[in-house]
Amino acid sequence: MTDTETPPSTVLRDTPALEAGINQQREALSTLLAKPLARIAAQCGLVWPQRELLNQTLASALHELPYCMALYAMDTRGLQICDNVEHTGVHAEHYGRDRSERPYMRNAVPASGFLLSDAYLSLRARRPSITAIQVIRRDGVVVGFLGADFDLRDLPLTRRLYDEPRHWQQLRGDPAIRSTVFQQCRIDSEMDRRIDDVLYMLEALIVNHGVFQGTLHFSSSRATVWLVEDPFRYRLLDLAALVDPDICLVYPQRDYPGDALVPADQVRLVLQGFRDLRLGDETIYLRSGSLNIFNGMVALTFSCDGSHYMPYAEFLDHDMPFWLGR
């Protein structure tokens, strides 16, 4: 790492699939970087510890790592004994820098002599970055370390898209809202008073007009929808649009997607579930509900600011007494 780094986050990830995806990418990076760094470290060992010869060695080897931001060598105390060698040239201001307190220098290097750091944000560029460390030996004795800094956007990762898990997740919201939830009472919004018309229209848009995700914001009487033909832009619909059948004229007729995880005949049941959660209790009530037919997930946010994400079938399995804890 460079002197301008922010330490890796200590936030724990509670999604096993996400953790597995990150580990897969790290393994791919390790495979990509370990061999060339081992070769460069061996060359450094031959000229150790001469600053100018190390600079020349790293400059000659930099072409092996075209996506590397900087190469440098440190002694066993973590002191940099050569300059930063980058594609833009040799930068002497880093000579003599103490890197011993960097997180990767406090980790035990594996028997292979190669260590890949956790990703971090550099302070200068505020870019996600990563550092690889390779042990340098001379005559079989560890004399120092080779450091290589990388900007994650430059690395040839596999870039396989992470698959969002489809299981129930519950997230707590603002504690200030939760602490006063029993002091509040639902006030009918304009959407509440036209809720049946709204739900019929949203069902029509989803089943017959290419909307694959719709979110109802009950308190503010609006909806956001995403269409198959234009998935990168959402449409914001006010109540007047949501209860006007003419809106179907501006969304082309489209067959219901065959690869949707939510069957067309289940869309109405999900939306009716939103209605029950919105109107079923005056204290614990639904503030917003969302359905995505492709990933088959329902998202709910309640008056207590708690949120739930779950498969649509699991949502349909529960009735009002369950949600109200009765």
C-alpha atoms as a PDB file:
ATOM      1  CA  MET A   1       0.000   0.000   0.000  1.00  0.00           C
ATOM      2  CA  THR A   2       1.009   3.618  -0.372  1.00  0.00           C
ATOM      3  CA  ASP A   3       1.237   6.186   2.373  1.00  0.00           C
ATOM      4  CA  THR A   4      -2.092   7.656   1.247  1.00  0.00           C
ATOM      5  CA  GLU A   5      -4.295   4.692   1.965  1.00  0.00           C
ATOM      6  CA  THR A   6      -7.374   4.192   4.067  1.00  0.00           C
ATOM      7  CA  PRO A   7      -7.290   0.898   6.034  1.00  0.00           C
ATOM      8  CA  PRO A   8      -9.630  -1.877   4.888  1.00  0.00           C
ATOM      9  CA  SER A   9     -13.135  -1.809   6.262  1.00  0.00           C
ATOM     10  CA  THR A  10     -13.829  -3.893   9.344  1.00  0.00           C
ATOM     11  CA  VAL A  11     -17.540  -4.202   8.544  1.00  0.00           C
ATOM     12  CA  LEU A  12     -18.542  -7.851   8.511  1.00  0.00           C
ATOM     13  CA  ARG A  13     -20.400  -9.161   5.488  1.00  0.00           C
ATOM     14  CA  ASP A  14     -23.350 -11.328   6.450  1.00  0.00           C
ATOM     15  CA  THR A  15     -24.130 -12.586   2.932  1.00  0.00           C
ATOM     16  CA  PRO A  16     -22.307 -15.885   2.306  1.00  0.00           C
ATOM     17  CA  ALA A  17     -22.790 -15.670  -1.463  1.00  0.00           C
ATOM     18  CA  LEU A  18     -21.208 -12.209  -1.541  1.00  0.00           C
ATOM     19  CA  GLU A  19     -18.296 -13.408   0.595  1.00  0.00           C
ATOM     20  CA  ALA A  20     -17.829 -16.403  -1.709  1.00  0.00           C
ATOM     21  CA  GLY A  21     -17.775 -14.137  -4.762  1.00  0.00           C
ATOM     22  CA  ILE A  22     -15.137 -11.887  -3.188  1.00  0.00           C
ATOM     23  CA  ASN A  23     -13.000 -14.898  -2.243  1.00  0.00           C
ATOM     24  CA  GLN A  24     -13.252 -16.224  -5.787  1.00  0.00           C
ATOM     25  CA  GLN A  25     -11.975 -12.931  -7.182  1.00  0.00           C
ATOM     26  CA  ARG A  26      -9.123 -12.856  -4.651  1.00  0.00           C
ATOM     27  CA  GLU A  27      -8.078 -16.378  -5.630  1.00  0.00           C
ATOM     28  CA  ALA A  28      -8.074 -15.371  -9.286  1.00  0.00           C
ATOM     29  CA  LEU A  29      -5.935 -12.318  -8.516  1.00  0.00           C
ATOM     30  CA  SER A  30      -3.504 -14.368  -6.450  1.00  0.00           C
ATOM     31  CA  THR A  31      -3.085 -16.822  -9.318  1.00  0.00           C
ATOM     32  CA  LEU A  32      -2.540 -13.944 -11.730  1.00  0.00           C
ATOM     33  CA  LEU A  33       0.037 -12.074  -9.624  1.00  0.00           C
ATOM     34  CA  ALA A  34       1.995 -14.654  -7.629  1.00  0.00           C
ATOM     35  CA  LYS A  35       4.282 -16.013 -10.373  1.00  0.00           C
ATOM     36  CA  PRO A  36       5.396 -12.717 -11.964  1.00  0.00           C
ATOM     37  CA  LEU A  37       6.001 -11.169  -8.535  1.00  0.00           C
ATOM     38  CA  ALA A  38       8.059 -14.208  -7.505  1.00  0.00           C
ATOM     39  CA  ARG A  39      10.234 -13.777 -10.623  1.00  0.00           C
ATOM     40  CA  ILE A  40      10.700 -10.053  -9.973  1.00  0.00           C
ATOM     41  CA  ALA A  41      11.520 -10.710  -6.304  1.00  0.00           C
ATOM     42  CA  ALA A  42      14.186 -13.230  -7.339  1.00  0.00           C
ATOM     43  CA  GLN A  43      15.778 -10.609  -9.600  1.00  0.00           C
ATOM     44  CA  CYS A  44      15.710  -8.089  -6.746  1.00  0.00           C
ATOM     45  CA  GLY A  45      17.525 -10.587  -4.520  1.00  0.00           C
ATOM     46  CA  LEU A  46      20.457 -10.646  -6.968  1.00  0.00           C
ATOM     47  CA  VAL A  47      21.095  -6.882  -6.622  1.00  0.00           C
ATOM     48  CA  TRP A  48      19.988  -6.442  -3.008  1.00  0.00           C
ATOM     49  CA  PRO A  49      20.209  -3.884  -1.362  1.00  0.00           C
ATOM     50  CA  GLN A  50      21.537  -1.406  -3.948  1.00  0.00           C
ATOM     51  CA  ARG A  51      18.988   1.352  -4.521  1.00  0.00           C
ATOM     52  CA  GLU A  52      19.820   2.221  -8.131  1.00  0.00           C
ATOM     53  CA  LEU A  53      20.093  -1.403  -9.206  1.00  0.00           C
ATOM     54  CA  LEU A  54      16.755  -2.165  -7.542  1.00  0.00           C
ATOM     55  CA  ASN A  55      15.188   0.770  -9.391  1.00  0.00           C
ATOM     56  CA  GLN A  56      16.568  -0.551 -12.686  1.00  0.00           C
ATOM     57  CA  THR A  57      15.396  -4.079 -11.939  1.00  0.00           C
ATOM     58  CA  LEU A  58      11.875  -2.979 -11.120  1.00  0.00           C
ATOM     59  CA  ALA A  59      11.722  -0.653 -14.134  1.00  0.00           C
ATOM     60  CA  SER A  60      12.795  -3.503 -16.428  1.00  0.00           C
ATOM     61  CA  ALA A  61      10.227  -5.852 -14.903  1.00  0.00           C
ATOM     62  CA  LEU A  62       7.295  -3.460 -14.798  1.00  0.00           C
ATOM     63  CA  HIS A  63       6.162  -4.542 -18.276  1.00  0.00           C
ATOM     64  CA  GLU A  64       5.254  -7.929 -16.772  1.00  0.00           C
ATOM     65  CA  LEU A  65       2.572  -6.133 -14.747  1.00  0.00           C
ATOM     66  CA  PRO A  66       1.035  -3.581 -17.136  1.00  0.00           C
ATOM     67  CA  TYR A  67      -1.853  -3.016 -14.681  1.00  0.00           C
ATOM     68  CA  CYS A  68       0.446  -2.243 -11.706  1.00  0.00           C
ATOM     69  CA  MET A  69       0.447   1.284 -10.264  1.00  0.00           C
ATOM     70  CA  ALA A  70       3.767   1.056  -8.413  1.00  0.00           C
ATOM     71  CA  LEU A  71       6.572  -1.378  -7.543  1.00  0.00           C
ATOM     72  CA  TYR A  72       8.945  -0.873  -4.595  1.00  0.00           C
ATOM     73  CA  ALA A  73      11.198  -2.856  -2.260  1.00  0.00           C
ATOM     74  CA  MET A  74      11.327  -2.815   1.549  1.00  0.00           C
ATOM     75  CA  ASP A  75      13.721  -4.328   4.048  1.00  0.00           C
ATOM     76  CA  THR A  76      12.519  -6.683   6.789  1.00  0.00           C
ATOM     77  CA  ARG A  77      11.672  -3.704   9.018  1.00  0.00           C
ATOM     78  CA  GLY A  78       9.281  -2.326   6.392  1.00  0.00           C
ATOM     79  CA  LEU A  79      11.554   0.564   5.339  1.00  0.00           C
ATOM     80  CA  GLN A  80      11.491   1.302   1.627  1.00  0.00           C
ATOM     81  CA  ILE A  81      15.033   1.027   0.263  1.00  0.00           C
ATOM     82  CA  CYS A  82      14.375   2.066  -3.332  1.00  0.00           C
ATOM     83  CA  ASP A  83      12.108   4.502  -5.135  1.00  0.00           C
ATOM     84  CA  ASN A  84       8.559   3.944  -6.375  1.00  0.00           C
ATOM     85  CA  VAL A  85       8.799   2.618  -9.907  1.00  0.00           C
ATOM     86  CA  GLU A  86       5.694   3.466 -11.911  1.00  0.00           C
ATOM     87  CA  HIS A  87       4.716   3.581 -15.577  1.00  0.00           C
ATOM     88  CA  THR A  88       5.106   7.356 -15.362  1.00  0.00           C
ATOM     89  CA  GLY A  89       8.711   7.043 -14.142  1.00  0.00           C
ATOM     90  CA  VAL A  90      10.741   6.690 -10.940  1.00  0.00           C
ATOM     91  CA  HIS A  91       9.491   8.662  -7.941  1.00  0.00           C
ATOM     92  CA  ALA A  92      12.180   9.266  -5.351  1.00  0.00           C
ATOM     93  CA  GLU A  93       9.954  10.868  -2.714  1.00  0.00           C
ATOM     94  CA  HIS A  94       8.973   7.426  -1.414  1.00  0.00           C
ATOM     95  CA  TYR A  95      12.566   6.346  -0.691  1.00  0.00           C
ATOM     96  CA  GLY A  96      13.084   5.668   3.014  1.00  0.00           C
ATOM     97  CA  ARG A  97       9.385   5.558   3.811  1.00  0.00           C
ATOM     98  CA  ASP A  98       8.387   3.460   6.814  1.00  0.00           C
ATOM     99  CA  ARG A  99       5.661   1.045   5.764  1.00  0.00           C
ATOM    100  CA  SER A 100       5.896  -1.179   8.831  1.00  0.00           C
ATOM    101  CA  GLU A 101       2.532  -0.034  10.217  1.00  0.00           C
ATOM    102  CA  ARG A 102       0.616  -0.833   7.069  1.00  0.00           C
ATOM    103  CA  PRO A 103      -1.994  -3.579   7.697  1.00  0.00           C
ATOM    104  CA  TYR A 104      -0.435  -5.981   5.185  1.00  0.00           C
ATOM    105  CA  MET A 105       2.966  -5.653   6.883  1.00  0.00           C
ATOM    106  CA  ARG A 106       1.429  -6.787  10.177  1.00  0.00           C
ATOM    107  CA  ASN A 107       0.034  -9.972   8.629  1.00  0.00           C
ATOM    108  CA  ALA A 108       2.022 -13.183   8.579  1.00  0.00           C
ATOM    109  CA  VAL A 109       3.249 -13.950   5.067  1.00  0.00           C
ATOM    110  CA  PRO A 110       2.266 -17.498   4.007  1.00  0.00           C
ATOM    111  CA  ALA A 111       4.879 -20.159   3.314  1.00  0.00           C
ATOM    112  CA  SER A 112       4.601 -19.358  -0.390  1.00  0.00           C
ATOM    113  CA  GLY A 113       6.021 -15.912   0.330  1.00  0.00           C
ATOM    114  CA  PHE A 114       3.066 -14.172  -1.335  1.00  0.00           C
ATOM    115  CA  LEU A 115       0.383 -12.079   0.386  1.00  0.00           C
ATOM    116  CA  LEU A 116      -2.560 -10.215  -1.137  1.00  0.00           C
ATOM    117  CA  SER A 117      -3.999  -7.431   1.001  1.00  0.00           C
ATOM    118  CA  ASP A 118      -7.647  -6.586   1.521  1.00  0.00           C
ATOM    119  CA  ALA A 119      -8.954  -3.899  -0.797  1.00  0.00           C
ATOM    120  CA  TYR A 120      -8.750  -0.314   0.464  1.00  0.00           C
ATOM    121  CA  LEU A 121      -9.474   3.251  -0.686  1.00  0.00           C
ATOM    122  CA  SER A 122      -6.412   5.325  -1.514  1.00  0.00           C
ATOM    123  CA  LEU A 123      -6.601   8.815  -0.052  1.00  0.00           C
ATOM    124  CA  ARG A 124      -5.071  10.576  -3.037  1.00  0.00           C
ATOM    125  CA  ALA A 125      -7.302   9.150  -5.753  1.00  0.00           C
ATOM    126  CA  ARG A 126     -10.087   7.723  -3.530  1.00  0.00           C
ATOM    127  CA  ARG A 127      -9.989   4.625  -5.701  1.00  0.00           C
ATOM    128  CA  PRO A 128     -10.472   0.985  -4.587  1.00  0.00           C
ATOM    129  CA  SER A 129      -6.954  -0.470  -4.564  1.00  0.00           C
ATOM    130  CA  ILE A 130      -5.074  -3.565  -3.459  1.00  0.00           C
ATOM    131  CA  THR A 131      -1.449  -4.410  -2.632  1.00  0.00           C
ATOM    132  CA  ALA A 132       0.504  -7.625  -3.172  1.00  0.00           C
ATOM    133  CA  ILE A 133       3.592  -8.506  -1.113  1.00  0.00           C
ATOM    134  CA  GLN A 134       6.269 -11.005  -2.159  1.00  0.00           C
ATOM    135  CA  VAL A 135       9.184 -12.105   0.029  1.00  0.00           C
ATOM    136  CA  ILE A 136      12.665 -11.302  -1.332  1.00  0.00           C
ATOM    137  CA  ARG A 137      15.449 -13.769  -0.535  1.00  0.00           C
ATOM    138  CA  ARG A 138      19.207 -13.580  -1.046  1.00  0.00           C
ATOM    139  CA  ASP A 139      21.202 -16.775  -0.693  1.00  0.00           C
ATOM    140  CA  GLY A 140      18.121 -18.431   0.812  1.00  0.00           C
ATOM    141  CA  VAL A 141      17.724 -15.800   3.541  1.00  0.00           C
ATOM    142  CA  VAL A 142      14.726 -13.426   3.717  1.00  0.00           C
ATOM    143  CA  VAL A 143      16.127  -9.915   3.266  1.00  0.00           C
ATOM    144  CA  GLY A 144      13.001  -7.915   2.440  1.00  0.00           C
ATOM    145  CA  PHE A 145       9.749  -7.607   0.559  1.00  0.00           C
ATOM    146  CA  LEU A 146       8.576  -6.577  -2.874  1.00  0.00           C
ATOM    147  CA  GLY A 147       5.466  -4.399  -2.852  1.00  0.00           C
ATOM    148  CA  ALA A 148       3.083  -3.937  -5.785  1.00  0.00           C
ATOM    149  CA  ASP A 149       0.122  -1.542  -5.706  1.00  0.00           C
ATOM    150  CA  PHE A 150      -2.878  -1.990  -8.015  1.00  0.00           C
ATOM    151  CA  ASP A 151      -5.969   0.029  -8.853  1.00  0.00           C
ATOM    152  CA  LEU A 152      -8.848  -2.472  -8.921  1.00  0.00           C
ATOM    153  CA  ARG A 153     -10.313  -0.939 -12.078  1.00  0.00           C
ATOM    154  CA  ASP A 154      -7.099  -1.822 -13.945  1.00  0.00           C
ATOM    155  CA  LEU A 155      -6.954  -5.470 -12.899  1.00  0.00           C
ATOM    156  CA  PRO A 156      -8.269  -8.117 -15.329  1.00  0.00           C
ATOM    157  CA  LEU A 157     -10.705  -9.701 -12.901  1.00  0.00           C
ATOM    158  CA  THR A 158     -13.153 -12.372 -13.971  1.00  0.00           C
ATOM    159  CA  ARG A 159     -15.938  -9.831 -13.323  1.00  0.00           C
ATOM    160  CA  ARG A 160     -18.529 -12.563 -12.927  1.00  0.00           C
ATOM    161  CA  LEU A 161     -21.668 -10.864 -11.729  1.00  0.00           C
ATOM    162  CA  TYR A 162     -22.531 -11.542  -8.102  1.00  0.00           C
ATOM    163  CA  ASP A 163     -25.818 -13.404  -7.716  1.00  0.00           C
ATOM    164  CA  GLU A 164     -28.112 -11.847  -5.122  1.00  0.00           C
ATOM    165  CA  PRO A 165     -29.389 -14.561  -2.747  1.00  0.00           C
ATOM    166  CA  ARG A 166     -33.121 -15.168  -2.688  1.00  0.00           C
ATOM    167  CA  HIS A 167     -33.850 -15.679   0.969  1.00  0.00           C
ATOM    168  CA  TRP A 168     -35.606 -13.668   3.649  1.00  0.00           C
ATOM    169  CA  GLN A 169     -33.553 -10.760   4.955  1.00  0.00           C
ATOM    170  CA  GLN A 170     -34.720  -8.394   7.682  1.00  0.00           C
ATOM    171  CA  LEU A 171     -33.004  -5.039   8.227  1.00  0.00           C
ATOM    172  CA  ARG A 172     -33.572  -2.660  11.110  1.00  0.00           C
ATOM    173  CA  GLY A 173     -34.111   0.997  10.307  1.00  0.00           C
ATOM    174  CA  ASP A 174     -33.731   4.278  12.179  1.00  0.00           C
ATOM    175  CA  PRO A 175     -33.759   3.677  15.980  1.00  0.00           C
ATOM    176  CA  ALA A 176     -35.420   7.061  16.499  1.00  0.00           C
ATOM    177  CA  ILE A 177     -38.379   5.948  14.391  1.00  0.00           C
ATOM    178  CA  ARG A 178     -38.608   2.553  16.076  1.00  0.00           C
ATOM    179  CA  SER A 179     -38.641   4.118  19.549  1.00  0.00           C
ATOM    180  CA  THR A 180     -41.696   6.266  18.756  1.00  0.00           C
ATOM    181  CA  VAL A 181     -43.634   3.835  16.565  1.00  0.00           C
ATOM    182  CA  PHE A 182     -46.406   3.299  19.123  1.00  0.00           C
ATOM    183  CA  GLN A 183     -46.916   7.049  19.444  1.00  0.00           C
ATOM    184  CA  GLN A 184     -47.968   7.398  15.834  1.00  0.00           C
ATOM    185  CA  CYS A 185     -51.029   6.493  13.827  1.00  0.00           C
ATOM    186  CA  ARG A 186     -51.484   5.969  10.131  1.00  0.00           C
ATOM    187  CA  ILE A 187     -53.184   8.824   8.300  1.00  0.00           C
ATOM    188  CA  ASP A 188     -54.958   7.928   5.077  1.00  0.00           C
ATOM    189  CA  SER A 189     -53.068   9.144   2.037  1.00  0.00           C
ATOM    190  CA  GLU A 190     -54.650   9.898  -1.313  1.00  0.00           C
ATOM    191  CA  MET A 191     -53.354   6.518  -2.511  1.00  0.00           C
ATOM    192  CA  ASP A 192     -54.972   4.758   0.450  1.00  0.00           C
ATOM    193  CA  ARG A 193     -58.332   6.137  -0.621  1.00  0.00           C
ATOM    194  CA  ARG A 194     -57.854   4.831  -4.178  1.00  0.00           C
ATOM    195  CA  ILE A 195     -55.804   1.780  -3.288  1.00  0.00           C
ATOM    196  CA  ASP A 196     -57.901  -0.796  -5.157  1.00  0.00           C
ATOM    197  CA  ASP A 197     -57.745   1.195  -8.391  1.00  0.00           C
ATOM    198  CA  VAL A 198     -53.998   1.675  -7.962  1.00  0.00           C
ATOM    199  CA  LEU A 199     -53.387  -2.036  -7.466  1.00  0.00           C
ATOM    200  CA  TYR A 200     -55.478  -3.018 -10.499  1.00  0.00           C
ATOM    201  CA  MET A 201     -53.547  -0.564 -12.667  1.00  0.00           C
ATOM    202  CA  LEU A 202     -50.151  -1.674 -11.386  1.00  0.00           C
ATOM    203  CA  GLU A 203     -51.102  -5.293 -11.995  1.00  0.00           C
ATOM    204  CA  ALA A 204     -52.056  -4.418 -15.576  1.00  0.00           C
ATOM    205  CA  LEU A 205     -48.742  -2.640 -16.131  1.00  0.00           C
ATOM    206  CA  ILE A 206     -46.780  -5.618 -14.805  1.00  0.00           C
ATOM    207  CA  VAL A 207     -48.733  -8.409 -16.492  1.00  0.00           C
ATOM    208  CA  ASN A 208     -49.509  -6.757 -19.820  1.00  0.00           C
ATOM    209  CA  HIS A 209     -47.238  -3.756 -20.383  1.00  0.00           C
ATOM    210  CA  GLY A 210     -43.634  -4.733 -19.636  1.00  0.00           C
ATOM    211  CA  VAL A 211     -43.160  -3.401 -16.112  1.00  0.00           C
ATOM    212  CA  PHE A 212     -40.871  -5.870 -14.332  1.00  0.00           C
ATOM    213  CA  GLN A 213     -40.472  -3.974 -11.056  1.00  0.00           C
ATOM    214  CA  GLY A 214     -42.919  -1.697  -9.339  1.00  0.00           C
ATOM    215  CA  THR A 215     -42.629   0.076  -6.000  1.00  0.00           C
ATOM    216  CA  LEU A 216     -45.620   1.663  -4.291  1.00  0.00           C
ATOM    217  CA  HIS A 217     -44.904   4.555  -1.924  1.00  0.00           C
ATOM    218  CA  PHE A 218     -48.174   4.738  -0.035  1.00  0.00           C
ATOM    219  CA  SER A 219     -47.612   7.785   2.141  1.00  0.00           C
ATOM    220  CA  SER A 220     -46.486  10.001  -0.736  1.00  0.00           C
ATOM    221  CA  SER A 221     -49.019   8.505  -3.185  1.00  0.00           C
ATOM    222  CA  ARG A 222     -46.595   7.669  -5.951  1.00  0.00           C
ATOM    223  CA  ALA A 223     -44.962   4.707  -7.630  1.00  0.00           C
ATOM    224  CA  THR A 224     -41.710   4.001  -9.389  1.00  0.00           C
ATOM    225  CA  VAL A 225     -41.667   1.448 -12.213  1.00  0.00           C
ATOM    226  CA  TRP A 226     -38.995  -0.127 -14.426  1.00  0.00           C
ATOM    227  CA  LEU A 227     -39.748  -1.486 -17.893  1.00  0.00           C
ATOM    228  CA  VAL A 228     -38.186  -4.386 -19.773  1.00  0.00           C
ATOM    229  CA  GLU A 229     -37.685  -2.180 -22.846  1.00  0.00           C
ATOM    230  CA  ASP A 230     -35.825   0.490 -20.851  1.00  0.00           C
ATOM    231  CA  PRO A 231     -34.444  -1.110 -17.661  1.00  0.00           C
ATOM    232  CA  PHE A 232     -31.846   1.553 -16.868  1.00  0.00           C
ATOM    233  CA  ARG A 233     -34.407   4.312 -16.258  1.00  0.00           C
ATOM    234  CA  TYR A 234     -37.262   4.349 -13.785  1.00  0.00           C
ATOM    235  CA  ARG A 235     -40.571   6.130 -14.322  1.00  0.00           C
ATOM    236  CA  LEU A 236     -42.164   8.095 -11.509  1.00  0.00           C
ATOM    237  CA  LEU A 237     -45.960   7.897 -11.537  1.00  0.00           C
ATOM    238  CA  ASP A 238     -48.166  10.131  -9.448  1.00  0.00           C
ATOM    239  CA  LEU A 239     -51.615   9.134  -8.244  1.00  0.00           C
ATOM    240  CA  ALA A 240     -53.385  10.718 -11.194  1.00  0.00           C
ATOM    241  CA  ALA A 241     -51.410   8.525 -13.581  1.00  0.00           C
ATOM    242  CA  LEU A 242     -51.829   5.428 -11.414  1.00  0.00           C
ATOM    243  CA  VAL A 243     -55.620   5.548 -11.531  1.00  0.00           C
ATOM    244  CA  ASP A 244     -55.941   6.576 -15.181  1.00  0.00           C
ATOM    245  CA  PRO A 245     -56.446   3.639 -17.604  1.00  0.00           C
ATOM    246  CA  ASP A 246     -55.144   5.866 -20.397  1.00  0.00           C
ATOM    247  CA  ILE A 247     -51.642   5.267 -19.015  1.00  0.00           C
ATOM    248  CA  CYS A 248     -51.711   1.863 -20.713  1.00  0.00           C
ATOM    249  CA  LEU A 249     -51.650   3.699 -24.053  1.00  0.00           C
ATOM    250  CA  VAL A 250     -48.097   4.967 -23.422  1.00  0.00           C
ATOM    251  CA  TYR A 251     -46.719   1.586 -22.327  1.00  0.00           C
ATOM    252  CA  PRO A 252     -46.750  -0.856 -25.271  1.00  0.00           C
ATOM    253  CA  GLN A 253     -48.551  -4.171 -24.940  1.00  0.00           C
ATOM    254  CA  ARG A 254     -46.080  -6.901 -24.069  1.00  0.00           C
ATOM    255  CA  ASP A 255     -46.405 -10.597 -23.309  1.00  0.00           C
ATOM    256  CA  TYR A 256     -45.590 -11.560 -19.747  1.00  0.00           C
ATOM    257  CA  PRO A 257     -41.908 -12.654 -19.601  1.00  0.00           C
ATOM    258  CA  GLY A 258     -41.477 -16.402 -19.729  1.00  0.00           C
ATOM    259  CA  ASP A 259     -38.388 -16.248 -17.492  1.00  0.00           C
ATOM    260  CA  ALA A 260     -40.074 -14.307 -14.688  1.00  0.00           C
ATOM    261  CA  LEU A 261     -39.898 -16.133 -11.366  1.00  0.00           C
ATOM    262  CA  VAL A 262     -43.280 -14.763 -10.299  1.00  0.00           C
ATOM    263  CA  PRO A 263     -46.173 -16.366 -12.232  1.00  0.00           C
ATOM    264  CA  ALA A 264     -48.518 -13.828 -13.767  1.00  0.00           C
ATOM    265  CA  ASP A 265     -51.470 -15.071 -11.718  1.00  0.00           C
ATOM    266  CA  GLN A 266     -49.545 -14.422  -8.489  1.00  0.00           C
ATOM    267  CA  VAL A 267     -48.929 -10.728  -9.120  1.00  0.00           C
ATOM    268  CA  ARG A 268     -52.426  -9.761  -7.959  1.00  0.00           C
ATOM    269  CA  LEU A 269     -52.041 -11.796  -4.764  1.00  0.00           C
ATOM    270  CA  VAL A 270     -48.788 -10.048  -3.912  1.00  0.00           C
ATOM    271  CA  LEU A 271     -50.318  -6.624  -4.496  1.00  0.00           C
ATOM    272  CA  GLN A 272     -53.322  -7.535  -2.393  1.00  0.00           C
ATOM    273  CA  GLY A 273     -50.870  -8.500   0.327  1.00  0.00           C
ATOM    274  CA  PHE A 274     -49.480  -4.971   0.136  1.00  0.00           C
ATOM    275  CA  ARG A 275     -53.006  -3.646   0.594  1.00  0.00           C
ATOM    276  CA  ASP A 276     -53.583  -5.796   3.689  1.00  0.00           C
ATOM    277  CA  LEU A 277     -50.315  -4.673   5.275  1.00  0.00           C
ATOM    278  CA  ARG A 278     -51.051  -1.040   4.504  1.00  0.00           C
ATOM    279  CA  LEU A 279     -54.593  -0.952   5.898  1.00  0.00           C
ATOM    280  CA  GLY A 280     -54.614  -3.810   8.417  1.00  0.00           C
ATOM    281  CA  ASP A 281     -53.284  -1.908  11.438  1.00  0.00           C
ATOM    282  CA  GLU A 282     -53.182   1.748  12.435  1.00  0.00           C
ATOM    283  CA  THR A 283     -49.756   1.566  14.104  1.00  0.00           C
ATOM    284  CA  ILE A 284     -47.692  -1.077  12.301  1.00  0.00           C
ATOM    285  CA  TYR A 285     -48.370  -0.488   8.635  1.00  0.00           C
ATOM    286  CA  LEU A 286     -46.647  -0.668   5.278  1.00  0.00           C
ATOM    287  CA  ARG A 287     -44.943   2.479   4.039  1.00  0.00           C
ATOM    288  CA  SER A 288     -43.712   1.029   0.745  1.00  0.00           C
ATOM    289  CA  GLY A 289     -43.911  -2.295  -1.066  1.00  0.00           C
ATOM    290  CA  SER A 290     -41.979  -3.484  -4.098  1.00  0.00           C
ATOM    291  CA  LEU A 291     -42.176  -6.494  -6.401  1.00  0.00           C
ATOM    292  CA  ASN A 292     -39.573  -7.640  -8.931  1.00  0.00           C
ATOM    293  CA  ILE A 293     -40.884 -10.442 -11.113  1.00  0.00           C
ATOM    294  CA  PHE A 294     -37.464 -11.526 -12.408  1.00  0.00           C
ATOM    295  CA  ASN A 295     -35.716 -12.157  -9.115  1.00  0.00           C
ATOM    296  CA  GLY A 296     -39.008 -13.130  -7.496  1.00  0.00           C
ATOM    297  CA  MET A 297     -38.464 -10.863  -4.512  1.00  0.00           C
ATOM    298  CA  VAL A 298     -40.768  -8.683  -2.467  1.00  0.00           C
ATOM    299  CA  ALA A 299     -39.432  -5.700  -0.521  1.00  0.00           C
ATOM    300  CA  LEU A 300     -41.352  -4.132   2.364  1.00  0.00           C
ATOM    301  CA  THR A 301     -40.700  -1.098   4.548  1.00  0.00           C
ATOM    302  CA  PHE A 302     -42.907  -0.589   7.604  1.00  0.00           C
ATOM    303  CA  SER A 303     -43.860   2.333   9.816  1.00  0.00           C
ATOM    304  CA  CYS A 304     -41.220   1.208  12.319  1.00  0.00           C
ATOM    305  CA  ASP A 305     -38.653   1.720   9.521  1.00  0.00           C
ATOM    306  CA  GLY A 306     -37.861  -1.988   9.450  1.00  0.00           C
ATOM    307  CA  SER A 307     -37.382  -3.553   6.016  1.00  0.00           C
ATOM    308  CA  HIS A 308     -37.902  -7.084   4.748  1.00  0.00           C
ATOM    309  CA  TYR A 309     -36.707  -8.726   1.533  1.00  0.00           C
ATOM    310  CA  MET A 310     -38.128 -12.162   0.758  1.00  0.00           C
ATOM    311  CA  PRO A 311     -39.224 -14.504  -2.040  1.00  0.00           C
ATOM    312  CA  TYR A 312     -42.765 -13.756  -3.174  1.00  0.00           C
ATOM    313  CA  ALA A 313     -43.991 -17.275  -2.234  1.00  0.00           C
ATOM    314  CA  GLU A 314     -42.751 -16.848   1.314  1.00  0.00           C
ATOM    315  CA  PHE A 315     -44.492 -13.491   1.478  1.00  0.00           C
ATOM    316  CA  LEU A 316     -47.773 -15.084   0.409  1.00  0.00           C
ATOM    317  CA  ASP A 317     -47.403 -17.786   3.055  1.00  0.00           C
ATOM    318  CA  HIS A 318     -47.863 -15.278   5.903  1.00  0.00           C
ATOM    319  CA  ASP A 319     -51.026 -13.492   6.987  1.00  0.00           C
ATOM    320  CA  MET A 320     -51.688 -10.352   9.003  1.00  0.00           C
ATOM    321  CA  PRO A 321     -51.472 -11.981  12.467  1.00  0.00           C
ATOM    322  CA  PHE A 322     -47.925 -13.082  11.591  1.00  0.00           C
ATOM    323  CA  TRP A 323     -46.816  -9.586  10.614  1.00  0.00           C
ATOM    324  CA  LEU A 324     -48.398  -8.036  13.689  1.00  0.00           C
ATOM    325  CA  GLY A 325     -46.888 -10.661  15.982  1.00  0.00           C
ATOM    326  CA  ARG A 326     -50.198 -12.029  17.132  1.00  0.00           C
END
